[in-house]
Structure formats: structure tokens, C-alpha cells
Amino acid sequence: MNEKMYMNAQEVAEAMGISVAFAYKIIRNLNAELKQKGFITVSGRVNRQYFMERTCYGASANRKEE
């Protein structure tokens, strides 16, 4: 497994081009969604796969240009 399962705020900030403080807010929101679905979460970290699915990064990687 080359890729880490979780992203920290610094990684989220770099991926989205935002501040670390705002990245923490996004992580809290995504983790709240996961908790509501019954998943276990880690404070200050977000599941990488879920982050990619919920942001434009996951959608653009799977979408073909028309």
C-alpha cells in the first residue's frame, strides 16, 4: 500500500489550494457526513477515497471529456 488511507489538513489544503484552517473545517464536515453514515472517523484526518469522491478531484478523474 503506497498511498496513505487518510489525509491530514496540510494535504487537503495543498490539494485544494486553501488555508490549513479552512482544510480543518472541510475535514470536520466530511467526517460528520461519514459519522452520520455509521463510519468511524479520525479527528483531523479524512479518508482519502471519500475526500476524492466528495470533491471535484474524484469526479474529474473518472469523467471523460466530451
Protein backbone atom coordinates (compact mmCIF):
# COMPACT_ATOMS: atom_id res chain seq x y z
CA MET A 1 0.00 0.00 0.00
CA ASN A 2 1.87 3.04 -1.29
CA GLU A 3 -0.81 5.62 -0.61
CA LYS A 4 -1.90 6.55 2.90
CA MET A 5 -5.54 5.87 3.75
CA TYR A 6 -6.07 9.23 5.46
CA MET A 7 -5.25 12.80 4.50
CA ASN A 8 -4.30 15.43 7.06
CA ALA A 9 -5.21 19.11 6.90
CA GLN A 10 -1.93 20.05 5.21
CA GLU A 11 -2.57 17.55 2.40
CA VAL A 12 -6.18 18.73 1.97
CA ALA A 13 -5.02 22.36 1.91
CA GLU A 14 -2.41 21.62 -0.76
CA ALA A 15 -4.82 19.57 -2.88
CA MET A 16 -7.47 22.29 -2.83
CA GLY A 17 -5.25 25.37 -2.74
CA ILE A 18 -6.76 26.62 0.53
CA SER A 19 -5.54 27.51 4.00
CA VAL A 20 -4.89 24.82 6.60
CA ALA A 21 -7.56 26.37 8.85
CA PHE A 22 -10.19 26.03 6.12
CA ALA A 23 -8.96 22.49 5.40
CA TYR A 24 -9.75 21.56 9.01
CA LYS A 25 -13.30 22.87 8.51
CA ILE A 26 -13.72 20.72 5.40
CA ILE A 27 -12.34 17.69 7.26
CA ARG A 28 -14.84 18.26 10.09
CA ASN A 29 -17.71 18.45 7.59
CA LEU A 30 -16.65 15.33 5.70
CA ASN A 31 -16.13 13.40 8.93
CA ALA A 32 -19.59 14.47 10.14
CA GLU A 33 -21.06 13.04 6.93
CA LEU A 34 -19.16 9.79 7.46
CA LYS A 35 -20.26 9.54 11.10
CA GLN A 36 -23.87 10.04 10.04
CA LYS A 37 -23.44 7.08 7.67
CA GLY A 38 -22.12 4.98 10.56
CA PHE A 39 -18.40 5.05 9.80
CA ILE A 40 -15.64 5.52 12.35
CA THR A 41 -13.62 8.71 11.79
CA VAL A 42 -10.29 10.08 12.96
CA SER A 43 -10.16 13.69 14.17
CA GLY A 44 -8.02 15.92 11.99
CA ARG A 45 -7.87 13.32 9.22
CA VAL A 46 -10.22 12.40 6.39
CA ASN A 47 -10.46 9.21 4.41
CA ARG A 48 -8.60 9.84 1.14
CA GLN A 49 -11.09 7.93 -1.02
CA TYR A 50 -14.09 9.76 0.48
CA PHE A 51 -12.33 13.11 0.04
CA MET A 52 -11.71 12.33 -3.64
CA GLU A 53 -15.33 11.24 -4.16
CA ARG A 54 -16.80 14.33 -2.48
CA THR A 55 -14.58 16.87 -4.22
CA CYS A 56 -14.20 17.67 -7.87
CA TYR A 57 -10.92 15.72 -7.89
CA GLY A 58 -12.68 12.36 -7.87
CA ALA A 59 -15.26 13.37 -10.45
CA SER A 60 -12.78 14.80 -12.95
CA ALA A 61 -10.55 11.73 -12.71
CA ASN A 62 -13.43 9.45 -13.71
CA ARG A 63 -15.13 11.70 -16.26
CA LYS A 64 -14.22 11.62 -19.94
CA GLU A 65 -14.00 14.87 -21.86
CA GLU A 66 -16.87 15.34 -24.28
